[in-house]
C-alpha atoms as a PDB file:
ATOM      1  CA  UNK A   1     -12.526   5.244  -7.156  1.00  0.00           C
ATOM      2  CA  UNK A   2     -11.589   5.609 -10.844  1.00  0.00           C
ATOM      3  CA  UNK A   3     -14.346   8.044 -11.737  1.00  0.00           C
ATOM      4  CA  UNK A   4     -12.973  11.556 -11.391  1.00  0.00           C
ATOM      5  CA  UNK A   5      -9.287  10.611 -11.279  1.00  0.00           C
ATOM      6  CA  UNK A   6      -7.901  12.490 -14.244  1.00  0.00           C
ATOM      7  CA  UNK A   7      -4.291  12.642 -13.051  1.00  0.00           C
ATOM      8  CA  UNK A   8      -3.796   9.072 -11.768  1.00  0.00           C
ATOM      9  CA  UNK A   9      -3.167   6.043 -13.953  1.00  0.00           C
ATOM     10  CA  UNK A  10      -5.068   3.008 -12.682  1.00  0.00           C
ATOM     11  CA  UNK A  11      -2.872  -0.117 -12.913  1.00  0.00           C
ATOM     12  CA  UNK A  12      -4.538  -3.522 -13.057  1.00  0.00           C
ATOM     13  CA  UNK A  13      -2.619  -6.683 -12.310  1.00  0.00           C
ATOM     14  CA  UNK A  14      -1.624  -8.074 -15.692  1.00  0.00           C
ATOM     15  CA  UNK A  15       1.420 -10.339 -15.377  1.00  0.00           C
ATOM     16  CA  UNK A  16       3.692 -11.064 -18.292  1.00  0.00           C
ATOM     17  CA  UNK A  17       3.449 -14.375 -20.098  1.00  0.00           C
ATOM     18  CA  UNK A  18       5.257 -16.945 -17.993  1.00  0.00           C
ATOM     19  CA  UNK A  19       4.460 -15.251 -14.671  1.00  0.00           C
ATOM     20  CA  UNK A  20       1.957 -17.649 -13.117  1.00  0.00           C
ATOM     21  CA  UNK A  21       0.084 -17.892  -9.861  1.00  0.00           C
ATOM     22  CA  UNK A  22      -0.529 -14.185  -9.210  1.00  0.00           C
ATOM     23  CA  UNK A  23       3.094 -13.212  -8.633  1.00  0.00           C
ATOM     24  CA  UNK A  24       5.739 -11.734 -10.940  1.00  0.00           C
ATOM     25  CA  UNK A  25       9.453 -11.253 -10.332  1.00  0.00           C
ATOM     26  CA  UNK A  26      11.405  -8.581 -12.223  1.00  0.00           C
ATOM     27  CA  UNK A  27      13.906  -5.801 -11.525  1.00  0.00           C
ATOM     28  CA  UNK A  28      14.373  -2.067 -12.041  1.00  0.00           C
ATOM     29  CA  UNK A  29      16.195  -2.607 -15.329  1.00  0.00           C
ATOM     30  CA  UNK A  30      13.194  -4.519 -16.671  1.00  0.00           C
ATOM     31  CA  UNK A  31      10.836  -1.794 -15.436  1.00  0.00           C
ATOM     32  CA  UNK A  32      12.838   0.867 -17.260  1.00  0.00           C
ATOM     33  CA  UNK A  33      12.960  -1.182 -20.472  1.00  0.00           C
ATOM     34  CA  UNK A  34       9.178  -1.693 -20.406  1.00  0.00           C
ATOM     35  CA  UNK A  35       8.505   1.983 -19.707  1.00  0.00           C
ATOM     36  CA  UNK A  36      10.258   3.811 -22.531  1.00  0.00           C
ATOM     37  CA  UNK A  37       7.813   6.743 -22.234  1.00  0.00           C
ATOM     38  CA  UNK A  38       8.700   7.218 -18.543  1.00  0.00           C
ATOM     39  CA  UNK A  39       5.110   6.993 -17.356  1.00  0.00           C
ATOM     40  CA  UNK A  40       6.539   5.751 -14.058  1.00  0.00           C
ATOM     41  CA  UNK A  41       7.221   9.356 -12.986  1.00  0.00           C
ATOM     42  CA  UNK A  42       3.469  10.150 -13.104  1.00  0.00           C
ATOM     43  CA  UNK A  43       1.009   9.254 -10.313  1.00  0.00           C
ATOM     44  CA  UNK A  44      -0.279   5.691 -10.576  1.00  0.00           C
ATOM     45  CA  UNK A  45      -2.585   3.573  -8.463  1.00  0.00           C
ATOM     46  CA  UNK A  46      -2.067  -0.207  -8.661  1.00  0.00           C
ATOM     47  CA  UNK A  47      -4.563  -2.812  -7.552  1.00  0.00           C
ATOM     48  CA  UNK A  48      -1.671  -5.113  -6.559  1.00  0.00           C
ATOM     49  CA  UNK A  49       1.353  -5.142  -4.247  1.00  0.00           C
ATOM     50  CA  UNK A  50       4.862  -4.112  -5.251  1.00  0.00           C
ATOM     51  CA  UNK A  51       7.798  -4.975  -2.992  1.00  0.00           C
ATOM     52  CA  UNK A  52      11.081  -3.448  -4.162  1.00  0.00           C
ATOM     53  CA  UNK A  53      14.629  -3.650  -2.814  1.00  0.00           C
ATOM     54  CA  UNK A  54      17.422  -1.237  -3.758  1.00  0.00           C
ATOM     55  CA  UNK A  55      20.537  -3.378  -4.144  1.00  0.00           C
ATOM     56  CA  UNK A  56      22.593  -0.480  -5.517  1.00  0.00           C
ATOM     57  CA  UNK A  57      22.261   3.088  -6.732  1.00  0.00           C
ATOM     58  CA  UNK A  58      20.198   6.033  -5.598  1.00  0.00           C
ATOM     59  CA  UNK A  59      16.842   7.479  -6.570  1.00  0.00           C
ATOM     60  CA  UNK A  60      13.535   8.849  -5.324  1.00  0.00           C
ATOM     61  CA  UNK A  61       9.971   7.684  -4.828  1.00  0.00           C
ATOM     62  CA  UNK A  62       6.736   9.295  -3.672  1.00  0.00           C
ATOM     63  CA  UNK A  63       3.879   7.451  -1.955  1.00  0.00           C
ATOM     64  CA  UNK A  64       0.653   9.199  -0.953  1.00  0.00           C
ATOM     65  CA  UNK A  65       2.273  12.647  -0.779  1.00  0.00           C
ATOM     66  CA  UNK A  66       5.367  11.495   1.133  1.00  0.00           C
ATOM     67  CA  UNK A  67       8.691  11.753  -0.765  1.00  0.00           C
ATOM     68  CA  UNK A  68      11.376   9.143  -0.081  1.00  0.00           C
ATOM     69  CA  UNK A  69      15.038   9.123  -0.994  1.00  0.00           C
ATOM     70  CA  UNK A  70      16.211   5.742  -2.235  1.00  0.00           C
ATOM     71  CA  UNK A  71      19.682   4.334  -1.666  1.00  0.00           C
ATOM     72  CA  UNK A  72      21.332   0.962  -1.213  1.00  0.00           C
ATOM     73  CA  UNK A  73      19.303  -0.874   1.415  1.00  0.00           C
ATOM     74  CA  UNK A  74      16.020   0.950   0.794  1.00  0.00           C
ATOM     75  CA  UNK A  75      12.891  -1.193   0.790  1.00  0.00           C
ATOM     76  CA  UNK A  76       9.607  -0.040  -0.742  1.00  0.00           C
ATOM     77  CA  UNK A  77       6.210  -1.661  -0.229  1.00  0.00           C
ATOM     78  CA  UNK A  78       3.450  -0.251  -2.438  1.00  0.00           C
ATOM     79  CA  UNK A  79       0.064  -1.569  -1.356  1.00  0.00           C
ATOM     80  CA  UNK A  80      -3.099  -1.828  -3.493  1.00  0.00           C
ATOM     81  CA  UNK A  81      -4.825   1.543  -3.848  1.00  0.00           C
ATOM     82  CA  UNK A  82      -1.758   3.563  -2.877  1.00  0.00           C
ATOM     83  CA  UNK A  83      -1.056   6.512  -5.181  1.00  0.00           C
ATOM     84  CA  UNK A  84       2.665   6.538  -5.908  1.00  0.00           C
ATOM     85  CA  UNK A  85       5.250   7.415  -8.526  1.00  0.00           C
ATOM     86  CA  UNK A  86       8.855   6.459  -9.211  1.00  0.00           C
ATOM     87  CA  UNK A  87      10.242   9.991  -9.390  1.00  0.00           C
ATOM     88  CA  UNK A  88      13.851   8.948 -10.133  1.00  0.00           C
ATOM     89  CA  UNK A  89      14.999   5.344 -10.554  1.00  0.00           C
ATOM     90  CA  UNK A  90      17.352   5.561 -13.550  1.00  0.00           C
ATOM     91  CA  UNK A  91      20.310   4.706 -11.293  1.00  0.00           C
ATOM     92  CA  UNK A  92      18.555   2.073  -9.146  1.00  0.00           C
ATOM     93  CA  UNK A  93      19.106  -1.657  -9.367  1.00  0.00           C
ATOM     94  CA  UNK A  94      17.413  -4.475  -7.480  1.00  0.00           C
ATOM     95  CA  UNK A  95      14.395  -6.791  -7.526  1.00  0.00           C
ATOM     96  CA  UNK A  96      10.711  -5.884  -7.755  1.00  0.00           C
ATOM     97  CA  UNK A  97       8.077  -8.406  -6.719  1.00  0.00           C
ATOM     98  CA  UNK A  98       4.517  -7.849  -7.956  1.00  0.00           C
ATOM     99  CA  UNK A  99       1.722  -9.916  -6.452  1.00  0.00           C
ATOM    100  CA  UNK A 100      -2.049  -9.981  -6.204  1.00  0.00           C
ATOM    101  CA  UNK A 101      -3.672  -9.258  -2.811  1.00  0.00           C
ATOM    102  CA  UNK A 102      -5.256 -12.715  -2.715  1.00  0.00           C
ATOM    103  CA  UNK A 103      -1.960 -14.482  -3.426  1.00  0.00           C
ATOM    104  CA  UNK A 104      -0.631 -14.014   0.097  1.00  0.00           C
ATOM    105  CA  UNK A 105      -3.465 -13.721   2.635  1.00  0.00           C
ATOM    106  CA  UNK A 106      -2.821 -13.034   6.296  1.00  0.00           C
ATOM    107  CA  UNK A 107      -0.564  -9.973   6.143  1.00  0.00           C
ATOM    108  CA  UNK A 108      -3.231  -7.353   6.810  1.00  0.00           C
ATOM    109  CA  UNK A 109      -1.644  -6.256  10.078  1.00  0.00           C
ATOM    110  CA  UNK A 110       1.755  -5.763   8.480  1.00  0.00           C
ATOM    111  CA  UNK A 111       0.187  -3.825   5.619  1.00  0.00           C
ATOM    112  CA  UNK A 112      -1.455  -1.436   8.059  1.00  0.00           C
ATOM    113  CA  UNK A 113       1.648  -0.759  10.125  1.00  0.00           C
ATOM    114  CA  UNK A 114       4.565  -0.897   7.695  1.00  0.00           C
ATOM    115  CA  UNK A 115       5.681   2.396   6.109  1.00  0.00           C
ATOM    116  CA  UNK A 116       5.921   2.711   2.330  1.00  0.00           C
ATOM    117  CA  UNK A 117       9.713   2.998   2.534  1.00  0.00           C
ATOM    118  CA  UNK A 118      12.321   2.012   5.110  1.00  0.00           C
ATOM    119  CA  UNK A 119      16.004   1.034   5.278  1.00  0.00           C
ATOM    120  CA  UNK A 120      17.716  -2.326   5.763  1.00  0.00           C
ATOM    121  CA  UNK A 121      21.204  -2.628   7.171  1.00  0.00           C
ATOM    122  CA  UNK A 122      23.848  -4.460   5.149  1.00  0.00           C
ATOM    123  CA  UNK A 123      23.233  -7.860   6.740  1.00  0.00           C
ATOM    124  CA  UNK A 124      19.454  -7.732   6.397  1.00  0.00           C
ATOM    125  CA  UNK A 125      19.705  -6.439   2.843  1.00  0.00           C
ATOM    126  CA  UNK A 126      21.973  -9.326   1.867  1.00  0.00           C
ATOM    127  CA  UNK A 127      19.565 -11.868   3.333  1.00  0.00           C
ATOM    128  CA  UNK A 128      16.564 -10.174   1.712  1.00  0.00           C
ATOM    129  CA  UNK A 129      18.263 -10.197  -1.685  1.00  0.00           C
ATOM    130  CA  UNK A 130      19.025 -13.890  -1.273  1.00  0.00           C
ATOM    131  CA  UNK A 131      15.367 -14.519  -0.447  1.00  0.00           C
ATOM    132  CA  UNK A 132      14.301 -12.513  -3.520  1.00  0.00           C
ATOM    133  CA  UNK A 133      16.749 -14.456  -5.709  1.00  0.00           C
ATOM    134  CA  UNK A 134      15.377 -17.758  -4.390  1.00  0.00           C
ATOM    135  CA  UNK A 135      11.825 -16.596  -5.125  1.00  0.00           C
ATOM    136  CA  UNK A 136      12.873 -15.494  -8.618  1.00  0.00           C
ATOM    137  CA  UNK A 137      14.474 -18.848  -9.415  1.00  0.00           C
ATOM    138  CA  UNK A 138      11.457 -20.773  -8.176  1.00  0.00           C
ATOM    139  CA  UNK A 139       9.219 -18.431 -10.177  1.00  0.00           C
ATOM    140  CA  UNK A 140      11.219 -19.111 -13.355  1.00  0.00           C
ATOM    141  CA  UNK A 141      11.046 -22.849 -12.696  1.00  0.00           C
ATOM    142  CA  UNK A 142       7.285 -22.700 -12.183  1.00  0.00           C
ATOM    143  CA  UNK A 143       6.904 -20.808 -15.465  1.00  0.00           C
ATOM    144  CA  UNK A 144       8.965 -23.375 -17.413  1.00  0.00           C
ATOM    145  CA  UNK A 145       7.737 -26.555 -15.736  1.00  0.00           C
ATOM    146  CA  UNK A 146       4.596 -25.968 -13.636  1.00  0.00           C
ATOM    147  CA  UNK A 147       4.106 -28.328 -10.710  1.00  0.00           C
ATOM    148  CA  UNK A 148       1.218 -28.882  -8.334  1.00  0.00           C
ATOM    149  CA  UNK A 149       3.390 -27.585  -5.511  1.00  0.00           C
ATOM    150  CA  UNK A 150       4.404 -24.402  -7.375  1.00  0.00           C
ATOM    151  CA  UNK A 151       1.734 -22.073  -5.912  1.00  0.00           C
ATOM    152  CA  UNK A 152       2.484 -23.185  -2.349  1.00  0.00           C
ATOM    153  CA  UNK A 153       6.246 -22.870  -2.869  1.00  0.00           C
ATOM    154  CA  UNK A 154       5.925 -19.385  -4.328  1.00  0.00           C
ATOM    155  CA  UNK A 155       3.567 -18.300  -1.560  1.00  0.00           C
ATOM    156  CA  UNK A 156       5.879 -19.558   1.197  1.00  0.00           C
ATOM    157  CA  UNK A 157       8.946 -18.000  -0.410  1.00  0.00           C
ATOM    158  CA  UNK A 158       7.162 -14.663  -0.802  1.00  0.00           C
ATOM    159  CA  UNK A 159       6.053 -14.784   2.841  1.00  0.00           C
ATOM    160  CA  UNK A 160       9.649 -15.521   3.872  1.00  0.00           C
ATOM    161  CA  UNK A 161      10.899 -12.583   1.801  1.00  0.00           C
ATOM    162  CA  UNK A 162       8.380 -10.197   3.335  1.00  0.00           C
ATOM    163  CA  UNK A 163       9.152 -11.346   6.879  1.00  0.00           C
ATOM    164  CA  UNK A 164      12.867 -11.023   6.191  1.00  0.00           C
ATOM    165  CA  UNK A 165      12.358  -7.520   4.783  1.00  0.00           C
ATOM    166  CA  UNK A 166       9.813  -5.999   7.169  1.00  0.00           C
ATOM    167  CA  UNK A 167      11.122  -3.553   9.777  1.00  0.00           C
ATOM    168  CA  UNK A 168      11.067  -5.146  13.230  1.00  0.00           C
ATOM    169  CA  UNK A 169       9.868  -8.373  11.629  1.00  0.00           C
ATOM    170  CA  UNK A 170       9.873 -10.455  14.871  1.00  0.00           C
ATOM    171  CA  UNK A 171       7.328  -8.063  16.415  1.00  0.00           C
ATOM    172  CA  UNK A 172       5.057  -8.282  13.365  1.00  0.00           C
ATOM    173  CA  UNK A 173       4.635 -12.005  12.947  1.00  0.00           C
ATOM    174  CA  UNK A 174       1.065 -11.619  14.212  1.00  0.00           C
ATOM    175  CA  UNK A 175       0.298 -11.333  10.512  1.00  0.00           C
ATOM    176  CA  UNK A 176       0.613 -15.075  10.140  1.00  0.00           C
ATOM    177  CA  UNK A 177      -1.034 -17.083  12.931  1.00  0.00           C
ATOM    178  CA  UNK A 178      -4.681 -17.857  12.325  1.00  0.00           C
ATOM    179  CA  UNK A 179      -5.287 -18.418  16.040  1.00  0.00           C
ATOM    180  CA  UNK A 180      -4.458 -14.883  17.145  1.00  0.00           C
ATOM    181  CA  UNK A 181      -7.943 -13.545  17.942  1.00  0.00           C
ATOM    182  CA  UNK A 182      -6.876  -9.928  18.254  1.00  0.00           C
ATOM    183  CA  UNK A 183      -5.192 -10.020  14.843  1.00  0.00           C
ATOM    184  CA  UNK A 184      -8.238 -11.737  13.346  1.00  0.00           C
ATOM    185  CA  UNK A 185     -10.520  -9.051  14.754  1.00  0.00           C
ATOM    186  CA  UNK A 186      -8.317  -6.317  13.317  1.00  0.00           C
ATOM    187  CA  UNK A 187      -8.196  -7.988   9.902  1.00  0.00           C
ATOM    188  CA  UNK A 188     -11.983  -8.094   9.842  1.00  0.00           C
ATOM    189  CA  UNK A 189     -12.203  -4.455  10.910  1.00  0.00           C
ATOM    190  CA  UNK A 190      -9.595  -3.347   8.378  1.00  0.00           C
ATOM    191  CA  UNK A 191     -11.417  -5.139   5.549  1.00  0.00           C
ATOM    192  CA  UNK A 192     -14.731  -3.622   6.608  1.00  0.00           C
ATOM    193  CA  UNK A 193     -13.239  -0.127   6.789  1.00  0.00           C
ATOM    194  CA  UNK A 194     -11.808  -0.522   3.304  1.00  0.00           C
ATOM    195  CA  UNK A 195     -15.222  -1.550   1.992  1.00  0.00           C
ATOM    196  CA  UNK A 196     -17.423   0.935   3.858  1.00  0.00           C
ATOM    197  CA  UNK A 197     -15.368   4.009   4.859  1.00  0.00           C
ATOM    198  CA  UNK A 198     -17.210   6.186   2.340  1.00  0.00           C
ATOM    199  CA  UNK A 199     -20.527   5.357   4.051  1.00  0.00           C
ATOM    200  CA  UNK A 200     -19.781   4.463   7.678  1.00  0.00           C
ATOM    201  CA  UNK A 201     -17.947   7.090   9.716  1.00  0.00           C
ATOM    202  CA  UNK A 202     -18.563   5.667  13.200  1.00  0.00           C
ATOM    203  CA  UNK A 203     -16.821   2.683  14.786  1.00  0.00           C
ATOM    204  CA  UNK A 204     -20.192   1.587  16.176  1.00  0.00           C
ATOM    205  CA  UNK A 205     -21.374   0.886  12.613  1.00  0.00           C
ATOM    206  CA  UNK A 206     -18.528  -1.598  12.122  1.00  0.00           C
ATOM    207  CA  UNK A 207     -19.017  -3.122  15.564  1.00  0.00           C
ATOM    208  CA  UNK A 208     -22.644  -3.897  14.756  1.00  0.00           C
ATOM    209  CA  UNK A 209     -21.816  -5.320  11.335  1.00  0.00           C
ATOM    210  CA  UNK A 210     -18.966  -7.506  12.619  1.00  0.00           C
ATOM    211  CA  UNK A 211     -20.632  -8.648  15.828  1.00  0.00           C
ATOM    212  CA  UNK A 212     -18.097  -7.083  18.206  1.00  0.00           C
ATOM    213  CA  UNK A 213     -18.387  -4.225  20.646  1.00  0.00           C
ATOM    214  CA  UNK A 214     -16.533  -0.964  20.099  1.00  0.00           C
ATOM    215  CA  UNK A 215     -14.027  -1.694  22.865  1.00  0.00           C
ATOM    216  CA  UNK A 216     -13.037  -4.983  21.221  1.00  0.00           C
ATOM    217  CA  UNK A 217     -12.381  -3.248  17.905  1.00  0.00           C
ATOM    218  CA  UNK A 218     -10.448  -0.499  19.662  1.00  0.00           C
ATOM    219  CA  UNK A 219      -8.231  -2.940  21.584  1.00  0.00           C
ATOM    220  CA  UNK A 220      -7.535  -5.039  18.475  1.00  0.00           C
ATOM    221  CA  UNK A 221      -6.740  -1.989  16.345  1.00  0.00           C
ATOM    222  CA  UNK A 222      -4.455  -0.498  18.969  1.00  0.00           C
ATOM    223  CA  UNK A 223      -2.615  -3.818  19.327  1.00  0.00           C
ATOM    224  CA  UNK A 224      -2.086  -3.966  15.563  1.00  0.00           C
ATOM    225  CA  UNK A 225      -1.392  -0.339  14.689  1.00  0.00           C
ATOM    226  CA  UNK A 226      -0.738   1.575  17.898  1.00  0.00           C
ATOM    227  CA  UNK A 227      -3.842   3.739  17.377  1.00  0.00           C
ATOM    228  CA  UNK A 228      -7.489   3.312  18.279  1.00  0.00           C
ATOM    229  CA  UNK A 229     -10.255   2.171  15.954  1.00  0.00           C
ATOM    230  CA  UNK A 230     -11.645   5.690  15.503  1.00  0.00           C
ATOM    231  CA  UNK A 231      -8.257   7.136  14.597  1.00  0.00           C
ATOM    232  CA  UNK A 232      -7.651   4.294  12.147  1.00  0.00           C
ATOM    233  CA  UNK A 233     -11.008   4.978  10.476  1.00  0.00           C
ATOM    234  CA  UNK A 234     -10.473   8.750  10.367  1.00  0.00           C
ATOM    235  CA  UNK A 235      -7.015   8.322   8.846  1.00  0.00           C
ATOM    236  CA  UNK A 236      -8.429   6.125   6.084  1.00  0.00           C
ATOM    237  CA  UNK A 237     -11.106   8.715   5.266  1.00  0.00           C
ATOM    238  CA  UNK A 238      -8.510  11.491   5.386  1.00  0.00           C
ATOM    239  CA  UNK A 239      -6.145   9.668   3.034  1.00  0.00           C
ATOM    240  CA  UNK A 240      -8.877   9.261   0.437  1.00  0.00           C
ATOM    241  CA  UNK A 241      -9.848  12.902   0.878  1.00  0.00           C
ATOM    242  CA  UNK A 242      -6.266  13.932   0.125  1.00  0.00           C
ATOM    243  CA  UNK A 243      -6.196  11.680  -2.926  1.00  0.00           C
ATOM    244  CA  UNK A 244      -9.437  13.145  -4.259  1.00  0.00           C
ATOM    245  CA  UNK A 245      -8.317  16.720  -3.687  1.00  0.00           C
ATOM    246  CA  UNK A 246      -4.899  16.173  -5.242  1.00  0.00           C
ATOM    247  CA  UNK A 247      -5.745  13.918  -8.152  1.00  0.00           C
ATOM    248  CA  UNK A 248      -9.234  14.902  -9.305  1.00  0.00           C
ATOM    249  CA  UNK A 249     -10.998  18.035 -10.414  1.00  0.00           C
ATOM    250  CA  UNK A 250     -14.003  17.330  -8.186  1.00  0.00           C
ATOM    251  CA  UNK A 251     -15.088  20.429  -6.246  1.00  0.00           C
ATOM    252  CA  UNK A 252     -14.773  20.256  -2.479  1.00  0.00           C
ATOM    253  CA  UNK A 253     -18.521  19.587  -2.218  1.00  0.00           C
ATOM    254  CA  UNK A 254     -18.113  16.694  -4.659  1.00  0.00           C
ATOM    255  CA  UNK A 255     -15.275  15.232  -2.592  1.00  0.00           C
ATOM    256  CA  UNK A 256     -17.481  15.529   0.475  1.00  0.00           C
ATOM    257  CA  UNK A 257     -20.304  13.622  -1.226  1.00  0.00           C
ATOM    258  CA  UNK A 258     -17.913  10.953  -2.514  1.00  0.00           C
ATOM    259  CA  UNK A 259     -16.739  10.352   1.052  1.00  0.00           C
ATOM    260  CA  UNK A 260     -20.211  10.215   2.576  1.00  0.00           C
ATOM    261  CA  UNK A 261     -20.361  13.619   4.279  1.00  0.00           C
ATOM    262  CA  UNK A 262     -23.788  15.246   4.404  1.00  0.00           C
ATOM    263  CA  UNK A 263     -22.456  18.621   3.314  1.00  0.00           C
ATOM    264  CA  UNK A 264     -19.232  20.375   2.442  1.00  0.00           C
ATOM    265  CA  UNK A 265     -19.171  22.152   5.797  1.00  0.00           C
ATOM    266  CA  UNK A 266     -18.932  18.902   7.738  1.00  0.00           C
ATOM    267  CA  UNK A 267     -16.209  17.697   5.399  1.00  0.00           C
ATOM    268  CA  UNK A 268     -14.231  20.931   5.774  1.00  0.00           C
ATOM    269  CA  UNK A 269     -14.501  20.715   9.574  1.00  0.00           C
ATOM    270  CA  UNK A 270     -13.272  17.115   9.509  1.00  0.00           C
ATOM    271  CA  UNK A 271     -10.385  17.884   7.142  1.00  0.00           C
ATOM    272  CA  UNK A 272      -9.284  20.969   9.049  1.00  0.00           C
ATOM    273  CA  UNK A 273      -9.415  19.089  12.369  1.00  0.00           C
ATOM    274  CA  UNK A 274      -7.184  16.337  10.955  1.00  0.00           C
ATOM    275  CA  UNK A 275      -4.681  18.500   9.057  1.00  0.00           C
ATOM    276  CA  UNK A 276      -5.031  22.041  10.476  1.00  0.00           C
ATOM    277  CA  UNK A 277      -5.580  23.090   6.838  1.00  0.00           C
ATOM    278  CA  UNK A 278      -8.836  23.672   4.936  1.00  0.00           C
ATOM    279  CA  UNK A 279      -9.393  21.437   1.880  1.00  0.00           C
ATOM    280  CA  UNK A 280      -9.098  24.290  -0.627  1.00  0.00           C
ATOM    281  CA  UNK A 281      -5.719  25.364   0.743  1.00  0.00           C
ATOM    282  CA  UNK A 282      -4.461  21.778   0.746  1.00  0.00           C
ATOM    283  CA  UNK A 283      -5.535  21.357  -2.893  1.00  0.00           C
ATOM    284  CA  UNK A 284      -3.692  24.544  -3.832  1.00  0.00           C
ATOM    285  CA  UNK A 285      -0.478  23.022  -2.472  1.00  0.00           C
ATOM    286  CA  UNK A 286      -0.889  19.468  -3.778  1.00  0.00           C
ATOM    287  CA  UNK A 287      -3.597  19.525  -6.423  1.00  0.00           C
ATOM    288  CA  UNK A 288      -3.318  19.003 -10.175  1.00  0.00           C
ATOM    289  CA  UNK A 289      -3.360  22.716 -10.955  1.00  0.00           C
ATOM    290  CA  UNK A 290      -0.703  23.625  -8.408  1.00  0.00           C
ATOM    291  CA  UNK A 291       2.858  22.707  -7.697  1.00  0.00           C
ATOM    292  CA  UNK A 292       3.783  20.280  -4.934  1.00  0.00           C
ATOM    293  CA  UNK A 293       5.158  21.983  -1.895  1.00  0.00           C
ATOM    294  CA  UNK A 294       6.389  19.287   0.439  1.00  0.00           C
END
């Protein structure tokens, strides 16, 4: 969705030399030193994951129009395609883990249900920081002396870090087992929605393409996210609509076409039903020409 995004910097995964295997381990100090022009405070859209832990200090972050205050114990998970910005991290310290989507398969359910920012208590933060330190040391070792087992070790350590960090992690381990049919169905549906949401607006379209009935998709989606398949689909369309309105200069009719609506009227009806606000009014509050009014 690059075309039309004049206010969002598209970030491609480009690890530093010595950061192998689709994962990179750094910290907030390194981020600040690499970003002397403070481009981090502007909207950006990565095609990779960023998992960050606040070990000390305070700051602020914004993810898809939701502001978050950062303090010791804050955890941030930026997923591919999310529009975010580090609004204030000069006083933050802690690790940042960058990794490609294909480096750690099997966490689709967690990605769909975990918020962009949450808080860890002191005990969980300490354990998460230990897990991040272990991953960082193994990452450095793999960079200096690569080994056949390095990718597997890094993948397992990253999975352990995520499971240690996730809110209510014991309830979310359905992200891992391959034999969980409901989770597998949801993963397939989620991937299909991500690929086709600009063209297919009905759950029945996905059911036909995936070989399931609508009820199966609905049950699997509700088990994974707490909402039905139709709500999940509508929320994905709505999120992209908000991104287009806020971060592009496309007219409302152009946003409607980009999202597969037959005309601007249908799009306006959909947007108003979801937000109780017409697209033009929402753009005035959040768009590039206006000021953000959270």
